[in-house]
C-alpha atoms as a PDB file:
ATOM      1  CA  MET A   1      58.635  40.787 -33.696  1.00  0.00           C
ATOM      2  CA  LEU A   2      59.552  38.439 -36.494  1.00  0.00           C
ATOM      3  CA  SER A   3      57.189  38.445 -39.451  1.00  0.00           C
ATOM      4  CA  GLN A   4      56.916  36.929 -42.891  1.00  0.00           C
ATOM      5  CA  GLY A   5      59.075  38.574 -45.525  1.00  0.00           C
ATOM      6  CA  ARG A   6      55.975  39.473 -47.503  1.00  0.00           C
ATOM      7  CA  MET A   7      54.184  41.120 -44.573  1.00  0.00           C
ATOM      8  CA  ASN A   8      53.557  44.824 -45.018  1.00  0.00           C
ATOM      9  CA  ASP A   9      55.595  46.999 -42.617  1.00  0.00           C
ATOM     10  CA  GLN A  10      52.525  49.108 -41.861  1.00  0.00           C
ATOM     11  CA  LYS A  11      50.623  46.034 -40.694  1.00  0.00           C
ATOM     12  CA  GLY A  12      53.528  45.153 -38.416  1.00  0.00           C
ATOM     13  CA  ALA A  13      53.629  48.693 -37.038  1.00  0.00           C
ATOM     14  CA  ARG A  14      49.911  48.562 -36.289  1.00  0.00           C
ATOM     15  CA  LEU A  15      50.381  45.264 -34.437  1.00  0.00           C
ATOM     16  CA  LEU A  16      53.232  46.720 -32.370  1.00  0.00           C
ATOM     17  CA  ALA A  17      51.469  50.021 -31.542  1.00  0.00           C
ATOM     18  CA  PRO A  18      49.887  48.637 -28.329  1.00  0.00           C
ATOM     19  CA  LEU A  19      53.364  47.690 -27.079  1.00  0.00           C
ATOM     20  CA  LEU A  20      54.899  51.153 -27.469  1.00  0.00           C
ATOM     21  CA  PRO A  21      56.013  52.896 -24.290  1.00  0.00           C
ATOM     22  CA  ARG A  22      54.163  55.993 -23.111  1.00  0.00           C
ATOM     23  CA  ALA A  23      54.957  58.926 -25.379  1.00  0.00           C
ATOM     24  CA  ARG A  24      53.465  62.223 -26.499  1.00  0.00           C
ATOM     25  CA  ALA A  25      54.335  61.773 -30.172  1.00  0.00           C
ATOM     26  CA  LEU A  26      55.734  59.300 -32.665  1.00  0.00           C
ATOM     27  CA  ILE A  27      58.030  60.854 -35.250  1.00  0.00           C
ATOM     28  CA  ALA A  28      58.248  58.778 -38.415  1.00  0.00           C
ATOM     29  CA  GLY A  29      58.862  59.091 -42.140  1.00  0.00           C
ATOM     30  CA  ARG A  30      56.491  59.105 -45.098  1.00  0.00           C
ATOM     31  CA  GLY A  31      56.796  55.341 -45.459  1.00  0.00           C
ATOM     32  CA  ASP A  32      54.949  54.914 -42.161  1.00  0.00           C
ATOM     33  CA  ASP A  33      51.936  57.022 -43.200  1.00  0.00           C
ATOM     34  CA  SER A  34      48.883  54.765 -43.093  1.00  0.00           C
ATOM     35  CA  ASN A  35      45.208  55.038 -42.259  1.00  0.00           C
ATOM     36  CA  ALA A  36      45.566  52.068 -39.901  1.00  0.00           C
ATOM     37  CA  LEU A  37      48.527  53.257 -37.838  1.00  0.00           C
ATOM     38  CA  ARG A  38      47.253  56.757 -37.056  1.00  0.00           C
ATOM     39  CA  PRO A  39      44.108  55.608 -35.152  1.00  0.00           C
ATOM     40  CA  ALA A  40      46.136  52.952 -33.306  1.00  0.00           C
ATOM     41  CA  LEU A  41      48.470  55.688 -32.067  1.00  0.00           C
ATOM     42  CA  ALA A  42      45.616  58.072 -31.252  1.00  0.00           C
ATOM     43  CA  GLY A  43      43.980  55.340 -29.169  1.00  0.00           C
ATOM     44  CA  ARG A  44      47.101  55.326 -26.988  1.00  0.00           C
ATOM     45  CA  GLY A  45      47.174  59.133 -26.766  1.00  0.00           C
ATOM     46  CA  ILE A  46      50.194  59.353 -29.075  1.00  0.00           C
ATOM     47  CA  GLU A  47      50.233  62.108 -31.687  1.00  0.00           C
ATOM     48  CA  ALA A  48      51.360  60.915 -35.112  1.00  0.00           C
ATOM     49  CA  CYS A  49      54.064  63.239 -36.436  1.00  0.00           C
ATOM     50  CA  ILE A  50      54.222  61.599 -39.852  1.00  0.00           C
ATOM     51  CA  PRO A  51      54.340  63.490 -43.160  1.00  0.00           C
ATOM     52  CA  SER A  52      51.680  62.418 -45.656  1.00  0.00           C
ATOM     53  CA  ARG A  53      52.659  60.221 -48.561  1.00  0.00           C
ATOM     54  CA  LYS A  54      52.919  62.133 -51.815  1.00  0.00           C
ATOM     55  CA  ASN A  55      50.116  60.076 -53.383  1.00  0.00           C
ATOM     56  CA  ARG A  56      47.625  60.633 -50.513  1.00  0.00           C
ATOM     57  CA  LYS A  57      44.447  62.159 -51.985  1.00  0.00           C
ATOM     58  CA  GLN A  58      43.789  64.288 -48.897  1.00  0.00           C
ATOM     59  CA  PRO A  59      47.102  65.147 -47.204  1.00  0.00           C
ATOM     60  CA  ILE A  60      47.038  65.146 -43.416  1.00  0.00           C
ATOM     61  CA  ARG A  61      48.450  68.306 -41.902  1.00  0.00           C
ATOM     62  CA  ASN A  62      51.347  67.661 -39.564  1.00  0.00           C
ATOM     63  CA  THR A  63      50.653  69.684 -36.425  1.00  0.00           C
ATOM     64  CA  GLN A  64      53.667  68.651 -34.359  1.00  0.00           C
ATOM     65  CA  ARG A  65      56.191  71.446 -33.831  1.00  0.00           C
ATOM     66  CA  PRO A  66      59.900  70.673 -34.093  1.00  0.00           C
ATOM     67  CA  ILE A  67      61.668  69.835 -30.848  1.00  0.00           C
ATOM     68  CA  ASP A  68      63.677  72.794 -29.512  1.00  0.00           C
END
């Protein structure tokens, strides 16, 4: 996907979420933590394994266990 240089990465990620292949979880970094992306992933049955941003008022607990 090619987007405008000023487009927020989280908006782009939300737009691409329906195109992701089947997966149990998406492992991402703090920069991908957003209130819009998490429900988009959950709607596809994908668990968001994303640490909360440091400035999030109510941190979201990461429940995904590390891969053995």
